[in-house]
PDB file of N, CA and C in Angstrom:
ATOM      1  N   MET A   1      61.583 114.284  37.859  1.00  0.00           N
ATOM      2  CA  MET A   1      62.397 115.256  38.551  1.00  0.00           C
ATOM      3  C   MET A   1      63.802 114.724  38.792  1.00  0.00           C
ATOM      4  N   ARG A   2      63.952 113.424  38.965  1.00  0.00           N
ATOM      5  CA  ARG A   2      65.289 112.925  39.260  1.00  0.00           C
ATOM      6  C   ARG A   2      66.220 113.090  38.064  1.00  0.00           C
ATOM      7  N   TYR A   3      65.657 113.108  36.839  1.00  0.00           N
ATOM      8  CA  TYR A   3      66.491 113.307  35.659  1.00  0.00           C
ATOM      9  C   TYR A   3      66.981 114.746  35.569  1.00  0.00           C
ATOM     10  N   LEU A   4      66.197 115.654  36.088  1.00  0.00           N
ATOM     11  CA  LEU A   4      66.568 117.058  36.037  1.00  0.00           C
ATOM     12  C   LEU A   4      67.513 117.462  37.158  1.00  0.00           C
ATOM     13  N   GLY A   5      67.612 116.657  38.177  1.00  0.00           N
ATOM     14  CA  GLY A   5      68.466 116.989  39.304  1.00  0.00           C
ATOM     15  C   GLY A   5      67.782 117.906  40.297  1.00  0.00           C
ATOM     16  N   CYS A   6      66.472 118.016  40.221  1.00  0.00           N
ATOM     17  CA  CYS A   6      65.724 118.856  41.147  1.00  0.00           C
ATOM     18  C   CYS A   6      65.387 118.054  42.396  1.00  0.00           C
ATOM     19  N   LYS A   7      65.495 118.706  43.540  1.00  0.00           N
ATOM     20  CA  LYS A   7      65.213 118.035  44.807  1.00  0.00           C
ATOM     21  C   LYS A   7      63.733 118.149  45.190  1.00  0.00           C
ATOM     22  N   THR A   8      63.133 119.258  44.858  1.00  0.00           N
ATOM     23  CA  THR A   8      61.734 119.474  45.235  1.00  0.00           C
ATOM     24  C   THR A   8      60.914 119.830  44.007  1.00  0.00           C
ATOM     25  N   PRO A   9      59.595 119.648  44.068  1.00  0.00           N
ATOM     26  CA  PRO A   9      58.744 120.037  42.935  1.00  0.00           C
ATOM     27  C   PRO A   9      58.797 121.542  42.673  1.00  0.00           C
ATOM     28  N   ASP A  10      59.054 122.320  43.723  1.00  0.00           N
ATOM     29  CA  ASP A  10      59.132 123.774  43.525  1.00  0.00           C
ATOM     30  C   ASP A  10      60.290 124.146  42.612  1.00  0.00           C
ATOM     31  N   GLU A  11      61.409 123.450  42.748  1.00  0.00           N
ATOM     32  CA  GLU A  11      62.551 123.727  41.885  1.00  0.00           C
ATOM     33  C   GLU A  11      62.207 123.431  40.425  1.00  0.00           C
ATOM     34  N   ALA A  12      61.487 122.345  40.191  1.00  0.00           N
ATOM     35  CA  ALA A  12      61.100 122.001  38.826  1.00  0.00           C
ATOM     36  C   ALA A  12      60.125 123.023  38.261  1.00  0.00           C
ATOM     37  N   MET A  13      59.239 123.545  39.099  1.00  0.00           N
ATOM     38  CA  MET A  13      58.261 124.532  38.628  1.00  0.00           C
ATOM     39  C   MET A  13      58.923 125.875  38.309  1.00  0.00           C
ATOM     40  N   MET A  14      60.072 126.143  38.902  1.00  0.00           N
ATOM     41  CA  MET A  14      60.754 127.421  38.680  1.00  0.00           C
ATOM     42  C   MET A  14      61.551 127.437  37.369  1.00  0.00           C
ATOM     43  N   LEU A  15      61.699 126.276  36.726  1.00  0.00           N
ATOM     44  CA  LEU A  15      62.452 126.216  35.474  1.00  0.00           C
ATOM     45  C   LEU A  15      61.672 126.881  34.345  1.00  0.00           C
ATOM     46  N   SER A  16      62.389 127.614  33.526  1.00  0.00           N
ATOM     47  CA  SER A  16      61.749 128.162  32.326  1.00  0.00           C
ATOM     48  C   SER A  16      61.687 127.045  31.285  1.00  0.00           C
ATOM     49  N   PRO A  17      60.843 127.178  30.274  1.00  0.00           N
ATOM     50  CA  PRO A  17      60.770 126.140  29.234  1.00  0.00           C
ATOM     51  C   PRO A  17      62.121 125.895  28.557  1.00  0.00           C
ATOM     52  N   ARG A  18      62.888 126.953  28.376  1.00  0.00           N
ATOM     53  CA  ARG A  18      64.203 126.793  27.739  1.00  0.00           C
ATOM     54  C   ARG A  18      65.152 125.998  28.642  1.00  0.00           C
ATOM     55  N   GLU A  19      65.162 126.315  29.941  1.00  0.00           N
ATOM     56  CA  GLU A  19      66.000 125.579  30.881  1.00  0.00           C
ATOM     57  C   GLU A  19      65.593 124.111  30.932  1.00  0.00           C
ATOM     58  N   TYR A  20      64.288 123.868  30.898  1.00  0.00           N
ATOM     59  CA  TYR A  20      63.784 122.498  30.933  1.00  0.00           C
ATOM     60  C   TYR A  20      64.273 121.717  29.716  1.00  0.00           C
ATOM     61  N   ARG A  21      64.172 122.310  28.518  1.00  0.00           N
ATOM     62  CA  ARG A  21      64.624 121.644  27.299  1.00  0.00           C
ATOM     63  C   ARG A  21      66.127 121.369  27.349  1.00  0.00           C
ATOM     64  N   LEU A  22      66.898 122.343  27.841  1.00  0.00           N
ATOM     65  CA  LEU A  22      68.345 122.142  27.932  1.00  0.00           C
ATOM     66  C   LEU A  22      68.698 121.033  28.921  1.00  0.00           C
ATOM     67  N   MET A  23      68.000 120.996  30.040  1.00  0.00           N
ATOM     68  CA  MET A  23      68.271 119.956  31.029  1.00  0.00           C
ATOM     69  C   MET A  23      67.876 118.582  30.504  1.00  0.00           C
ATOM     70  N   MET A  24      66.775 118.496  29.768  1.00  0.00           N
ATOM     71  CA  MET A  24      66.366 117.223  29.192  1.00  0.00           C
ATOM     72  C   MET A  24      67.345 116.773  28.110  1.00  0.00           C
ATOM     73  N   LYS A  25      67.853 117.714  27.326  1.00  0.00           N
ATOM     74  CA  LYS A  25      68.856 117.380  26.310  1.00  0.00           C
ATOM     75  C   LYS A  25      70.129 116.868  26.984  1.00  0.00           C
ATOM     76  N   ALA A  26      70.529 117.513  28.084  1.00  0.00           N
ATOM     77  CA  ALA A  26      71.707 117.064  28.824  1.00  0.00           C
ATOM     78  C   ALA A  26      71.483 115.661  29.376  1.00  0.00           C
ATOM     79  N   CYS A  27      70.284 115.382  29.837  1.00  0.00           N
ATOM     80  CA  CYS A  27      69.956 114.054  30.347  1.00  0.00           C
ATOM     81  C   CYS A  27      70.034 113.014  29.231  1.00  0.00           C
ATOM     82  N   GLU A  28      69.506 113.336  28.045  1.00  0.00           N
ATOM     83  CA  GLU A  28      69.575 112.426  26.908  1.00  0.00           C
ATOM     84  C   GLU A  28      71.014 112.140  26.517  1.00  0.00           C
ATOM     85  N   LEU A  29      71.846 113.185  26.497  1.00  0.00           N
ATOM     86  CA  LEU A  29      73.251 112.999  26.147  1.00  0.00           C
ATOM     87  C   LEU A  29      73.984 112.165  27.194  1.00  0.00           C
ATOM     88  N   ARG A  30      73.654 112.345  28.463  1.00  0.00           N
ATOM     89  CA  ARG A  30      74.272 111.567  29.530  1.00  0.00           C
ATOM     90  C   ARG A  30      73.918 110.084  29.382  1.00  0.00           C
ATOM     91  N   LEU A  31      72.645 109.793  29.091  1.00  0.00           N
ATOM     92  CA  LEU A  31      72.219 108.408  28.888  1.00  0.00           C
ATOM     93  C   LEU A  31      72.863 107.804  27.639  1.00  0.00           C
ATOM     94  N   GLN A  32      73.017 108.621  26.600  1.00  0.00           N
ATOM     95  CA  GLN A  32      73.669 108.168  25.374  1.00  0.00           C
ATOM     96  C   GLN A  32      75.137 107.815  25.651  1.00  0.00           C
ATOM     97  N   ASP A  33      75.813 108.634  26.457  1.00  0.00           N
ATOM     98  CA  ASP A  33      77.196 108.339  26.825  1.00  0.00           C
ATOM     99  C   ASP A  33      77.288 107.038  27.611  1.00  0.00           C
ATOM    100  N   GLN A  34      76.350 106.807  28.519  1.00  0.00           N
ATOM    101  CA  GLN A  34      76.360 105.568  29.297  1.00  0.00           C
ATOM    102  C   GLN A  34      76.169 104.358  28.394  1.00  0.00           C
ATOM    103  N   ARG A  35      75.247 104.464  27.433  1.00  0.00           N
ATOM    104  CA  ARG A  35      75.022 103.352  26.508  1.00  0.00           C
ATOM    105  C   ARG A  35      76.257 103.098  25.649  1.00  0.00           C
ATOM    106  N   ARG A  36      76.936 104.174  25.232  1.00  0.00           N
ATOM    107  CA  ARG A  36      78.145 104.038  24.426  1.00  0.00           C
ATOM    108  C   ARG A  36      79.251 103.346  25.228  1.00  0.00           C
ATOM    109  N   LEU A  37      79.406 103.721  26.494  1.00  0.00           N
ATOM    110  CA  LEU A  37      80.422 103.092  27.329  1.00  0.00           C
ATOM    111  C   LEU A  37      80.121 101.612  27.569  1.00  0.00           C
ATOM    112  N   ILE A  38      78.856 101.268  27.736  1.00  0.00           N
ATOM    113  CA  ILE A  38      78.471  99.867  27.910  1.00  0.00           C
ATOM    114  C   ILE A  38      78.785  99.077  26.639  1.00  0.00           C
ATOM    115  N   ALA A  39      78.478  99.650  25.480  1.00  0.00           N
ATOM    116  CA  ALA A  39      78.763  98.981  24.215  1.00  0.00           C
ATOM    117  C   ALA A  39      80.268  98.830  24.010  1.00  0.00           C
ATOM    118  N   LEU A  40      81.034  99.848  24.364  1.00  0.00           N
ATOM    119  CA  LEU A  40      82.485  99.773  24.235  1.00  0.00           C
ATOM    120  C   LEU A  40      83.058  98.694  25.147  1.00  0.00           C
ATOM    121  N   GLN A  41      82.544  98.603  26.365  1.00  0.00           N
ATOM    122  CA  GLN A  41      83.008  97.567  27.288  1.00  0.00           C
ATOM    123  C   GLN A  41      82.688  96.174  26.757  1.00  0.00           C
ATOM    124  N   ALA A  42      81.507  95.999  26.182  1.00  0.00           N
ATOM    125  CA  ALA A  42      81.133  94.702  25.612  1.00  0.00           C
ATOM    126  C   ALA A  42      82.053  94.353  24.440  1.00  0.00           C
ATOM    127  N   TYR A  43      82.381  95.333  23.606  1.00  0.00           N
ATOM    128  CA  TYR A  43      83.287  95.101  22.483  1.00  0.00           C
ATOM    129  C   TYR A  43      84.674  94.696  22.974  1.00  0.00           C
ATOM    130  N   GLU A  44      85.191  95.415  23.978  1.00  0.00           N
ATOM    131  CA  GLU A  44      86.519  95.103  24.504  1.00  0.00           C
ATOM    132  C   GLU A  44      86.543  93.725  25.160  1.00  0.00           C
ATOM    133  N   ASN A  45      85.475  93.351  25.841  1.00  0.00           N
ATOM    134  CA  ASN A  45      85.403  92.019  26.435  1.00  0.00           C
ATOM    135  C   ASN A  45      85.440  90.946  25.356  1.00  0.00           C
ATOM    136  N   ALA A  46      84.688  91.135  24.284  1.00  0.00           N
ATOM    137  CA  ALA A  46      84.671  90.164  23.190  1.00  0.00           C
ATOM    138  C   ALA A  46      86.038  90.112  22.507  1.00  0.00           C
ATOM    139  N   ARG A  47      86.666  91.252  22.349  1.00  0.00           N
ATOM    140  CA  ARG A  47      87.983  91.303  21.717  1.00  0.00           C
ATOM    141  C   ARG A  47      89.030  90.590  22.569  1.00  0.00           C
ATOM    142  N   ALA A  48      88.947  90.759  23.879  1.00  0.00           N
ATOM    143  CA  ALA A  48      89.906  90.114  24.774  1.00  0.00           C
ATOM    144  C   ALA A  48      89.746  88.594  24.764  1.00  0.00           C
ATOM    145  N   ARG A  49      88.536  88.107  24.535  1.00  0.00           N
ATOM    146  CA  ARG A  49      88.281  86.669  24.515  1.00  0.00           C
ATOM    147  C   ARG A  49      88.479  86.051  23.138  1.00  0.00           C
ATOM    148  N   SER A  50      88.813  86.850  22.138  1.00  0.00           N
ATOM    149  CA  SER A  50      88.902  86.335  20.776  1.00  0.00           C
ATOM    150  C   SER A  50      90.095  85.390  20.622  1.00  0.00           C
ATOM    151  N   VAL A  51      89.915  84.409  19.755  1.00  0.00           N
ATOM    152  CA  VAL A  51      90.960  83.419  19.479  1.00  0.00           C
ATOM    153  C   VAL A  51      91.097  83.275  17.970  1.00  0.00           C
ATOM    154  N   ASP A  52      92.265  82.786  17.548  1.00  0.00           N
ATOM    155  CA  ASP A  52      92.448  82.536  16.129  1.00  0.00           C
ATOM    156  C   ASP A  52      91.901  81.151  15.770  1.00  0.00           C
ATOM    157  N   ARG A  53      92.110  80.712  14.552  1.00  0.00           N
ATOM    158  CA  ARG A  53      91.515  79.440  14.126  1.00  0.00           C
ATOM    159  C   ARG A  53      92.144  78.233  14.799  1.00  0.00           C
ATOM    160  N   HIS A  54      93.311  78.418  15.448  1.00  0.00           N
ATOM    161  CA  HIS A  54      93.956  77.325  16.167  1.00  0.00           C
ATOM    162  C   HIS A  54      93.596  77.317  17.647  1.00  0.00           C
ATOM    163  N   GLY A  55      92.786  78.276  18.066  1.00  0.00           N
ATOM    164  CA  GLY A  55      92.359  78.325  19.457  1.00  0.00           C
ATOM    165  C   GLY A  55      93.276  79.125  20.365  1.00  0.00           C
ATOM    166  N   ARG A  56      94.280  79.781  19.790  1.00  0.00           N
ATOM    167  CA  ARG A  56      95.189  80.592  20.597  1.00  0.00           C
ATOM    168  C   ARG A  56      94.629  82.006  20.742  1.00  0.00           C
ATOM    169  N   SER A  57      94.885  82.596  21.874  1.00  0.00           N
ATOM    170  CA  SER A  57      94.402  83.954  22.131  1.00  0.00           C
ATOM    171  C   SER A  57      95.111  84.939  21.217  1.00  0.00           C
ATOM    172  N   LEU A  58      94.375  85.903  20.693  1.00  0.00           N
ATOM    173  CA  LEU A  58      94.972  86.911  19.820  1.00  0.00           C
ATOM    174  C   LEU A  58      95.706  87.993  20.600  1.00  0.00           C
ATOM    175  N   TYR A  59      95.333  88.174  21.846  1.00  0.00           N
ATOM    176  CA  TYR A  59      95.921  89.219  22.672  1.00  0.00           C
ATOM    177  C   TYR A  59      96.477  88.587  23.940  1.00  0.00           C
ATOM    178  N   PRO A  60      97.596  89.093  24.413  1.00  0.00           N
ATOM    179  CA  PRO A  60      98.129  88.526  25.657  1.00  0.00           C
ATOM    180  C   PRO A  60      97.195  88.831  26.817  1.00  0.00           C
ATOM    181  N   HIS A  61      97.014  87.865  27.673  1.00  0.00           N
ATOM    182  CA  HIS A  61      96.181  88.079  28.847  1.00  0.00           C
ATOM    183  C   HIS A  61      96.909  87.531  30.063  1.00  0.00           C
ATOM    184  N   PHE A  62      96.611  88.089  31.177  1.00  0.00           N
ATOM    185  CA  PHE A  62      97.300  87.734  32.409  1.00  0.00           C
ATOM    186  C   PHE A  62      96.275  87.250  33.416  1.00  0.00           C
ATOM    187  N   SER A  63      96.633  86.189  34.128  1.00  0.00           N
ATOM    188  CA  SER A  63      95.725  85.666  35.133  1.00  0.00           C
ATOM    189  C   SER A  63      95.820  86.468  36.418  1.00  0.00           C
ATOM    190  N   ASP A  64      96.925  87.203  36.588  1.00  0.00           N
ATOM    191  CA  ASP A  64      97.126  87.944  37.819  1.00  0.00           C
ATOM    192  C   ASP A  64      97.901  89.222  37.506  1.00  0.00           C
ATOM    193  N   PHE A  65      97.668  90.261  38.276  1.00  0.00           N
ATOM    194  CA  PHE A  65      98.380  91.516  38.056  1.00  0.00           C
ATOM    195  C   PHE A  65      99.757  91.509  38.716  1.00  0.00           C
ATOM    196  N   TYR A  66      99.993  90.559  39.585  1.00  0.00           N
ATOM    197  CA  TYR A  66     101.261  90.503  40.305  1.00  0.00           C
ATOM    198  C   TYR A  66     102.216  89.556  39.596  1.00  0.00           C
ATOM    199  N   ASN A  67     103.417  89.990  39.431  1.00  0.00           N
ATOM    200  CA  ASN A  67     104.441  89.170  38.809  1.00  0.00           C
ATOM    201  C   ASN A  67     105.086  88.323  39.900  1.00  0.00           C
ATOM    202  N   PRO A  68     105.068  86.989  39.785  1.00  0.00           N
ATOM    203  CA  PRO A  68     105.624  86.169  40.857  1.00  0.00           C
ATOM    204  C   PRO A  68     107.138  86.332  40.994  1.00  0.00           C
ATOM    205  N   GLU A  69     107.827  86.654  39.914  1.00  0.00           N
ATOM    206  CA  GLU A  69     109.271  86.853  39.974  1.00  0.00           C
ATOM    207  C   GLU A  69     109.556  88.350  40.002  1.00  0.00           C
ATOM    208  N   PRO A  70     110.354  88.803  40.951  1.00  0.00           N
ATOM    209  CA  PRO A  70     110.653  90.235  40.999  1.00  0.00           C
ATOM    210  C   PRO A  70     111.500  90.658  39.802  1.00  0.00           C
ATOM    211  N   VAL A  71     111.204  91.818  39.298  1.00  0.00           N
ATOM    212  CA  VAL A  71     111.959  92.363  38.177  1.00  0.00           C
ATOM    213  C   VAL A  71     113.284  92.869  38.716  1.00  0.00           C
ATOM    214  N   SER A  72     114.376  92.424  38.112  1.00  0.00           N
ATOM    215  CA  SER A  72     115.677  92.833  38.634  1.00  0.00           C
ATOM    216  C   SER A  72     115.990  94.250  38.162  1.00  0.00           C
ATOM    217  N   ASP A  73     116.429  95.036  39.089  1.00  0.00           N
ATOM    218  CA  ASP A  73     116.791  96.419  38.841  1.00  0.00           C
ATOM    219  C   ASP A  73     118.190  96.439  38.220  1.00  0.00           C
ATOM    220  N   PRO A  74     118.462  97.269  37.217  1.00  0.00           N
ATOM    221  CA  PRO A  74     119.807  97.308  36.618  1.00  0.00           C
ATOM    222  C   PRO A  74     120.904  97.620  37.645  1.00  0.00           C
ATOM    223  N   LEU A  75     120.608  98.514  38.595  1.00  0.00           N
ATOM    224  CA  LEU A  75     121.605  98.819  39.615  1.00  0.00           C
ATOM    225  C   LEU A  75     121.850  97.616  40.521  1.00  0.00           C
ATOM    226  N   GLU A  76     120.808  96.884  40.822  1.00  0.00           N
ATOM    227  CA  GLU A  76     120.959  95.698  41.660  1.00  0.00           C
ATOM    228  C   GLU A  76     121.803  94.646  40.945  1.00  0.00           C
ATOM    229  N   ARG A  77     121.595  94.480  39.661  1.00  0.00           N
ATOM    230  CA  ARG A  77     122.408  93.537  38.901  1.00  0.00           C
ATOM    231  C   ARG A  77     123.874  93.957  38.894  1.00  0.00           C
ATOM    232  N   LEU A  78     124.129  95.263  38.798  1.00  0.00           N
ATOM    233  CA  LEU A  78     125.498  95.764  38.816  1.00  0.00           C
ATOM    234  C   LEU A  78     126.145  95.503  40.190  1.00  0.00           C
ATOM    235  N   ARG A  79     125.399  95.750  41.258  1.00  0.00           N
ATOM    236  CA  ARG A  79     125.917  95.471  42.603  1.00  0.00           C
ATOM    237  C   ARG A  79     126.252  93.998  42.770  1.00  0.00           C
ATOM    238  N   GLU A  80     125.355  93.134  42.280  1.00  0.00           N
ATOM    239  CA  GLU A  80     125.601  91.702  42.389  1.00  0.00           C
ATOM    240  C   GLU A  80     126.828  91.286  41.612  1.00  0.00           C
ATOM    241  N   SER A  81     127.051  91.907  40.453  1.00  0.00           N
ATOM    242  CA  SER A  81     128.249  91.546  39.666  1.00  0.00           C
ATOM    243  C   SER A  81     129.511  91.968  40.404  1.00  0.00           C
ATOM    244  N   PHE A  82     129.496  93.095  41.126  1.00  0.00           N
ATOM    245  CA  PHE A  82     130.652  93.506  41.918  1.00  0.00           C
ATOM    246  C   PHE A  82     130.868  92.583  43.099  1.00  0.00           C
ATOM    247  N   LYS A  83     129.779  92.117  43.715  1.00  0.00           N
ATOM    248  CA  LYS A  83     129.897  91.202  44.859  1.00  0.00           C
ATOM    249  C   LYS A  83     130.522  89.896  44.424  1.00  0.00           C
ATOM    250  N   LYS A  84     130.224  89.460  43.202  1.00  0.00           N
ATOM    251  CA  LYS A  84     130.768  88.198  42.703  1.00  0.00           C
ATOM    252  C   LYS A  84     132.219  88.344  42.248  1.00  0.00           C
ATOM    253  N   GLY A  85     132.683  89.577  42.159  1.00  0.00           N
ATOM    254  CA  GLY A  85     134.063  89.795  41.767  1.00  0.00           C
ATOM    255  C   GLY A  85     134.233  90.107  40.295  1.00  0.00           C
ATOM    256  N   GLY A  86     133.147  90.281  39.589  1.00  0.00           N
ATOM    257  CA  GLY A  86     133.230  90.579  38.174  1.00  0.00           C
ATOM    258  C   GLY A  86     133.143  92.060  37.896  1.00  0.00           C
ATOM    259  N   ALA A  87     133.061  92.396  36.654  1.00  0.00           N
ATOM    260  CA  ALA A  87     132.894  93.755  36.143  1.00  0.00           C
ATOM    261  C   ALA A  87     134.213  94.439  36.164  1.00  0.00           C
TER     262      ALA A  87
END
């Protein structure tokens, strides 16, 4: 019953054979999608860890999502150049 999404046995008994087959097909497709996503995640993990024959990573990877150095804004750079007396 949990695959069908029915809360009580009465709800499951009220299903017609056609509704039951459609719900079971939907359940099979949902499980197939989950297996596909798991396989895709495993592939991406292996791809991210791949190295060439010299031991270097094939793809750039980051140890942290935060950049320790702030990215300078073009307007901020222009302001700084005016403060220094240039431009």
